[in-house]
C-alpha atoms as a PDB file:
ATOM      1  CA  MET A   1       0.006   0.156   0.049  1.00  0.00           C
ATOM      2  CA  ASP A   2       2.799   2.487   0.759  1.00  0.00           C
ATOM      3  CA  LYS A   3       4.451   1.828  -2.656  1.00  0.00           C
ATOM      4  CA  LYS A   4       1.245   2.772  -4.495  1.00  0.00           C
ATOM      5  CA  ASN A   5       0.984   6.050  -2.356  1.00  0.00           C
ATOM      6  CA  ALA A   6       4.688   6.896  -2.998  1.00  0.00           C
ATOM      7  CA  LEU A   7       4.195   6.227  -6.658  1.00  0.00           C
ATOM      8  CA  ARG A   8       1.134   8.169  -6.884  1.00  0.00           C
ATOM      9  CA  ALA A   9       3.019  11.098  -5.107  1.00  0.00           C
ATOM     10  CA  GLY A  10       6.126  10.911  -7.280  1.00  0.00           C
ATOM     11  CA  ALA A  11       3.900  10.877 -10.541  1.00  0.00           C
ATOM     12  CA  LEU A  12       1.958  13.925  -9.265  1.00  0.00           C
ATOM     13  CA  ALA A  13       5.207  15.876  -8.565  1.00  0.00           C
ATOM     14  CA  ALA A  14       6.691  14.874 -11.720  1.00  0.00           C
ATOM     15  CA  GLY A  15       3.669  15.886 -13.741  1.00  0.00           C
ATOM     16  CA  THR A  16       3.191  18.994 -11.980  1.00  0.00           C
ATOM     17  CA  THR A  17       6.946  19.858 -12.479  1.00  0.00           C
ATOM     18  CA  LEU A  18       6.551  19.011 -16.310  1.00  0.00           C
ATOM     19  CA  MET A  19       3.477  21.169 -16.540  1.00  0.00           C
ATOM     20  CA  MET A  20       5.080  24.264 -15.015  1.00  0.00           C
ATOM     21  CA  LEU A  21       8.093  23.933 -17.189  1.00  0.00           C
ATOM     22  CA  LEU A  22       6.116  23.460 -20.389  1.00  0.00           C
ATOM     23  CA  MET A  23       3.754  26.526 -19.206  1.00  0.00           C
ATOM     24  CA  SER A  24       6.583  28.713 -18.437  1.00  0.00           C
ATOM     25  CA  SER A  25       7.569  31.182 -21.004  1.00  0.00           C
ATOM     26  CA  PRO A  26      11.036  31.703 -22.121  1.00  0.00           C
ATOM     27  CA  ALA A  27      13.217  34.440 -20.327  1.00  0.00           C
ATOM     28  CA  LEU A  28      14.046  36.355 -23.744  1.00  0.00           C
ATOM     29  CA  ALA A  29      17.328  37.385 -22.065  1.00  0.00           C
ATOM     30  CA  LEU A  30      18.724  37.968 -25.619  1.00  0.00           C
ATOM     31  CA  ILE A  31      16.509  40.717 -26.280  1.00  0.00           C
ATOM     32  CA  PRO A  32      17.465  43.766 -24.545  1.00  0.00           C
ATOM     33  CA  ASP A  33      14.780  45.988 -22.764  1.00  0.00           C
ATOM     34  CA  ASP A  34      14.655  49.664 -23.050  1.00  0.00           C
ATOM     35  CA  GLY A  35      16.880  51.301 -20.495  1.00  0.00           C
ATOM     36  CA  ASP A  36      19.138  48.359 -20.115  1.00  0.00           C
ATOM     37  CA  ASP A  37      22.767  48.953 -19.572  1.00  0.00           C
ATOM     38  CA  PRO A  38      24.770  45.742 -18.836  1.00  0.00           C
ATOM     39  CA  GLY A  39      28.130  45.936 -17.403  1.00  0.00           C
ATOM     40  CA  PRO A  40      31.199  44.106 -18.383  1.00  0.00           C
ATOM     41  CA  GLY A  41      30.860  40.209 -17.898  1.00  0.00           C
ATOM     42  CA  LEU A  42      32.662  38.405 -15.154  1.00  0.00           C
ATOM     43  CA  SER A  43      35.392  35.975 -15.994  1.00  0.00           C
ATOM     44  CA  VAL A  44      35.420  32.555 -14.369  1.00  0.00           C
ATOM     45  CA  ILE A  45      37.801  33.530 -11.829  1.00  0.00           C
ATOM     46  CA  ASP A  46      35.866  36.545 -10.948  1.00  0.00           C
ATOM     47  CA  THR A  47      32.685  34.328 -10.762  1.00  0.00           C
ATOM     48  CA  LEU A  48      34.421  31.586  -8.549  1.00  0.00           C
ATOM     49  CA  GLY A  49      35.859  34.305  -6.205  1.00  0.00           C
ATOM     50  CA  LEU A  50      32.595  35.890  -5.755  1.00  0.00           C
ATOM     51  CA  PHE A  51      30.225  32.935  -5.659  1.00  0.00           C
ATOM     52  CA  VAL A  52      32.642  30.241  -4.050  1.00  0.00           C
ATOM     53  CA  VAL A  53      35.601  31.689  -2.225  1.00  0.00           C
ATOM     54  CA  ALA A  54      33.914  34.711  -0.833  1.00  0.00           C
ATOM     55  CA  PRO A  55      31.113  32.844   1.047  1.00  0.00           C
ATOM     56  CA  LEU A  56      33.749  30.012   2.188  1.00  0.00           C
ATOM     57  CA  VAL A  57      35.859  32.827   3.678  1.00  0.00           C
ATOM     58  CA  LEU A  58      33.009  34.792   5.200  1.00  0.00           C
ATOM     59  CA  PHE A  59      31.814  31.362   6.924  1.00  0.00           C
ATOM     60  CA  ALA A  60      35.320  30.762   8.280  1.00  0.00           C
ATOM     61  CA  VAL A  61      35.591  34.334   9.754  1.00  0.00           C
ATOM     62  CA  ILE A  62      32.348  34.025  11.269  1.00  0.00           C
ATOM     63  CA  THR A  63      32.866  30.503  12.685  1.00  0.00           C
ATOM     64  CA  GLY A  64      36.319  31.661  13.800  1.00  0.00           C
ATOM     65  CA  LEU A  65      34.635  34.852  15.791  1.00  0.00           C
ATOM     66  CA  VAL A  66      32.154  32.509  17.236  1.00  0.00           C
ATOM     67  CA  MET A  67      34.872  29.946  18.504  1.00  0.00           C
ATOM     68  CA  VAL A  68      37.230  32.842  19.925  1.00  0.00           C
ATOM     69  CA  LEU A  69      34.416  34.909  21.570  1.00  0.00           C
ATOM     70  CA  ASP A  70      32.680  31.892  22.978  1.00  0.00           C
ATOM     71  CA  ARG A  71      32.818  32.360  26.836  1.00  0.00           C
ATOM     72  CA  SER A  72      31.134  29.362  28.058  1.00  0.00           C
ATOM     73  CA  THR A  73      33.117  27.130  30.366  1.00  0.00           C
ATOM     74  CA  ASP A  74      30.912  23.995  30.508  1.00  0.00           C
ATOM     75  CA  ARG A  75      32.052  21.950  27.719  1.00  0.00           C
ATOM     76  CA  GLU A  76      31.243  18.360  29.100  1.00  0.00           C
ATOM     77  CA  PRO A  77      28.415  16.492  28.043  1.00  0.00           C
ATOM     78  CA  LYS A  78      25.952  16.424  30.740  1.00  0.00           C
ATOM     79  CA  ALA A  79      24.952  13.296  32.275  1.00  0.00           C
ATOM     80  CA  LYS A  80      21.483  12.207  32.102  1.00  0.00           C
ATOM     81  CA  ALA A  81      19.448  11.864  35.401  1.00  0.00           C
ATOM     82  CA  ARG A  82      18.923   8.397  36.622  1.00  0.00           C
ATOM     83  CA  VAL A  83      15.143   7.756  37.499  1.00  0.00           C
END
């Protein structure tokens, strides 16, 4: 019985996704709109630096600050109370 429900849910999700893809219109990114003033494109190195390296560095800085500025002294796991 579970397999039938899972199959039905999967078919519904796949059908909904397919219909949304077919019904959506193209982005028309190749036709510029009035007033568009695109800047220069990013190189591969710029793109990787902006979208991969910068978030990793930001994550490392925040993690380091949290670890350095953490003033809690209780680091041992608490024993469970016996009942």
